[in-house]
Amino acid sequence: PEEAAPESHIEWTQSVPESDELELDAATRTYFKEIEGLLESQDFETPEDQYLFISNTFAEVNGKEVLLAMDFEGSRILEKLLKSANDFQIRVFADRLGGQYDVLFCHQFGSHVVQVLLNLAADVVERELQGRSFVPEPEEEDDNVEELPTMEALLIRMAEELETHWNKFMLHVHAT
């Protein structure tokens, strides 16, 4: 019997695009080019301003992570965003990609986003083990909010998700 695919943590209104020629809509493309300019300028008055900017950007990315990662310009911007993010923001992003890693590993641009994520994840795990990882205080008690897994748990979940795909990755030209 065929096993069901792992359930995605991303709420999709349509299936993950298969084409290597993905196009973002004009408004999304313009928005993320502006984000890229702000990230490159690093013109933030305080670290709190940078944290809020990156948090708000990740809020806008929510639900579009895979589409952006599979777009030439979107992937570059996501890489820059991840490199500017704190541990908590990186963990949220990794959690949102759950269920989509096999597609991203084999994508020309998505594989680069995953590679950056994995490079950053190593440092996040180290800081978690040392008790130095940033976790924001919850704004209010909400019984509907699930606790975000540690980076270590997210990496284990990723490995389990990809367990049956390693042979494909070894032969794929873009696989990370």
Protein backbone atom coordinates (compact mmCIF):
# COMPACT_ATOMS: atom_id res chain seq x y z
CA PRO A 1 0.00 0.00 0.00
CA GLU A 2 1.05 3.52 -0.77
CA GLU A 3 1.88 5.74 2.21
CA ALA A 4 0.24 9.13 2.47
CA ALA A 5 2.48 12.17 2.18
CA PRO A 6 3.25 13.97 5.45
CA GLU A 7 0.75 16.66 6.29
CA SER A 8 1.96 20.15 5.40
CA HIS A 9 2.24 22.86 8.03
CA ILE A 10 1.53 25.40 5.30
CA GLU A 11 -2.04 26.23 4.41
CA TRP A 12 -2.14 25.92 0.62
CA THR A 13 -5.00 27.09 -1.55
CA GLN A 14 -3.47 25.26 -4.49
CA SER A 15 -0.91 22.51 -4.98
CA VAL A 16 2.81 23.20 -4.95
CA PRO A 17 3.82 24.32 -8.44
CA GLU A 18 5.91 21.76 -10.34
CA SER A 19 7.32 24.09 -12.97
CA ASP A 20 10.85 25.47 -12.84
CA GLU A 21 9.45 28.65 -14.40
CA LEU A 22 7.42 30.10 -11.55
CA GLU A 23 6.21 33.65 -11.68
CA LEU A 24 5.32 35.83 -8.73
CA ASP A 25 2.53 38.30 -9.33
CA ALA A 26 3.68 41.86 -9.99
CA ALA A 27 2.56 43.23 -6.61
CA THR A 28 4.38 40.49 -4.67
CA ARG A 29 7.52 40.92 -6.77
CA THR A 30 7.52 44.71 -6.20
CA TYR A 31 6.92 44.28 -2.47
CA PHE A 32 9.84 41.88 -2.05
CA LYS A 33 12.19 44.02 -4.13
CA GLU A 34 11.44 46.86 -1.69
CA ILE A 35 12.11 44.47 1.20
CA GLU A 36 15.43 43.51 -0.38
CA GLY A 37 16.45 47.17 -0.62
CA LEU A 38 15.63 47.75 3.04
CA LEU A 39 17.52 44.62 4.07
CA GLU A 40 20.58 45.69 2.11
CA SER A 41 20.54 49.22 3.52
CA GLN A 42 20.37 47.94 7.13
CA ASP A 43 18.93 51.35 7.95
CA PHE A 44 17.34 50.38 11.26
CA GLU A 45 17.62 52.72 14.22
CA THR A 46 17.53 49.94 16.81
CA PRO A 47 17.78 46.14 16.87
CA GLU A 48 14.09 46.17 17.89
CA ASP A 49 13.24 48.01 14.64
CA GLN A 50 15.09 45.35 12.65
CA TYR A 51 13.34 42.56 14.57
CA LEU A 52 9.92 44.11 13.89
CA PHE A 53 10.74 44.67 10.21
CA ILE A 54 11.83 41.06 9.74
CA SER A 55 8.85 39.75 11.74
CA ASN A 56 6.44 41.78 9.62
CA THR A 57 8.12 40.56 6.44
CA PHE A 58 7.82 36.93 7.56
CA ALA A 59 4.14 37.61 8.30
CA GLU A 60 3.74 38.76 4.68
CA VAL A 61 5.62 35.68 3.46
CA ASN A 62 3.29 33.34 5.38
CA GLY A 63 1.76 30.87 2.94
CA LYS A 64 4.07 31.96 0.11
CA GLU A 65 7.32 30.45 1.43
CA VAL A 66 7.60 27.70 -1.17
CA LEU A 67 6.50 29.90 -4.08
CA LEU A 68 9.08 32.53 -3.11
CA ALA A 69 11.80 29.91 -2.60
CA MET A 70 11.11 28.52 -6.08
CA ASP A 71 11.40 31.93 -7.75
CA PHE A 72 14.79 33.27 -8.88
CA GLU A 73 14.46 36.69 -7.22
CA GLY A 74 12.27 35.47 -4.37
CA SER A 75 14.84 32.86 -3.35
CA ARG A 76 17.63 35.44 -3.16
CA ILE A 77 15.48 37.71 -1.02
CA LEU A 78 14.48 34.84 1.28
CA GLU A 79 18.15 33.96 1.72
CA LYS A 80 18.94 37.56 2.75
CA LEU A 81 15.92 37.64 5.05
CA LEU A 82 16.96 34.39 6.75
CA LYS A 83 20.52 35.65 7.25
CA SER A 84 19.12 38.73 9.03
CA ALA A 85 16.60 36.76 11.11
CA ASN A 86 16.95 35.73 14.73
CA ASP A 87 16.71 32.15 15.99
CA PHE A 88 12.98 32.29 16.62
CA GLN A 89 12.22 33.68 13.16
CA ILE A 90 14.39 31.01 11.54
CA ARG A 91 12.53 28.30 13.49
CA VAL A 92 9.14 29.70 12.43
CA PHE A 93 10.26 29.68 8.78
CA ALA A 94 11.59 26.11 9.06
CA ASP A 95 8.32 24.99 10.65
CA ARG A 96 6.32 26.53 7.80
CA LEU A 97 8.32 24.56 5.21
CA GLY A 98 7.39 21.25 6.82
CA GLY A 99 5.93 18.85 4.29
CA GLN A 100 7.55 20.67 1.35
CA TYR A 101 11.24 19.87 1.78
CA ASP A 102 11.34 17.12 -0.85
CA VAL A 103 10.13 19.60 -3.48
CA LEU A 104 12.53 22.32 -2.35
CA PHE A 105 15.57 20.03 -2.14
CA CYS A 106 15.26 19.29 -5.86
CA HIS A 107 14.43 22.76 -7.08
CA GLN A 108 16.99 24.96 -8.81
CA PHE A 109 16.34 27.93 -6.49
CA GLY A 110 14.55 26.32 -3.56
CA SER A 111 17.57 24.14 -2.83
CA HIS A 112 19.63 27.25 -2.16
CA VAL A 113 17.08 28.54 0.34
CA VAL A 114 17.15 25.17 2.14
CA GLN A 115 20.96 25.22 2.11
CA VAL A 116 21.01 28.65 3.81
CA LEU A 117 18.38 27.45 6.28
CA LEU A 118 20.46 24.37 7.17
CA ASN A 119 23.64 26.43 7.59
CA LEU A 120 21.82 28.79 9.97
CA ALA A 121 20.09 25.90 11.76
CA ALA A 122 23.41 24.51 12.98
CA ASP A 123 24.12 27.72 14.89
CA VAL A 124 20.54 27.87 16.20
CA VAL A 125 20.83 24.32 17.60
CA GLU A 126 24.13 25.20 19.25
CA ARG A 127 22.62 28.28 20.91
CA GLU A 128 19.57 26.26 21.99
CA LEU A 129 21.82 23.71 23.66
CA GLN A 130 23.71 26.51 25.42
CA GLY A 131 20.46 28.20 26.50
CA ARG A 132 21.30 31.34 24.51
CA SER A 133 18.64 31.12 21.78
CA PHE A 134 16.23 34.05 21.42
CA VAL A 135 12.57 33.28 22.09
CA PRO A 136 10.17 36.23 22.34
CA GLU A 137 7.71 36.47 25.20
CA PRO A 138 4.19 35.51 24.15
CA GLU A 139 2.04 38.60 23.67
CA GLU A 140 -1.05 37.02 25.20
CA GLU A 141 -2.29 33.63 26.28
CA ASP A 142 -4.00 31.87 23.40
CA ASP A 143 -5.02 28.24 23.72
CA ASN A 144 -5.06 27.90 19.92
CA VAL A 145 -1.35 28.66 19.53
CA GLU A 146 0.89 25.61 19.35
CA GLU A 147 4.34 25.71 20.90
CA LEU A 148 7.04 26.11 18.29
CA PRO A 149 9.37 23.09 18.18
CA THR A 150 13.09 23.55 18.84
CA MET A 151 15.37 23.71 15.82
CA GLU A 152 16.68 20.27 16.75
CA ALA A 153 13.11 18.89 16.65
CA LEU A 154 12.47 20.65 13.32
CA LEU A 155 15.61 19.13 11.81
CA ILE A 156 14.64 15.66 13.04
CA ARG A 157 11.17 16.14 11.53
CA MET A 158 12.78 17.24 8.25
CA ALA A 159 15.03 14.16 8.20
CA GLU A 160 12.04 11.91 8.86
CA GLU A 161 10.09 13.63 6.08
CA LEU A 162 12.96 13.08 3.64
CA GLU A 163 13.80 9.54 4.77
CA THR A 164 12.39 7.88 1.65
CA HIS A 165 13.86 10.44 -0.79
CA TRP A 166 17.65 10.15 -0.27
CA ASN A 167 18.22 8.02 -3.39
CA LYS A 168 16.41 10.60 -5.51
CA PHE A 169 18.47 13.42 -3.97
CA MET A 170 21.79 11.69 -4.67
CA LEU A 171 21.02 11.66 -8.39
CA HIS A 172 19.23 14.99 -8.74
CA VAL A 173 21.18 17.85 -10.28
CA HIS A 174 19.77 20.51 -7.91
CA ALA A 175 19.36 18.48 -4.72
CA THR A 176 20.97 20.06 -1.69
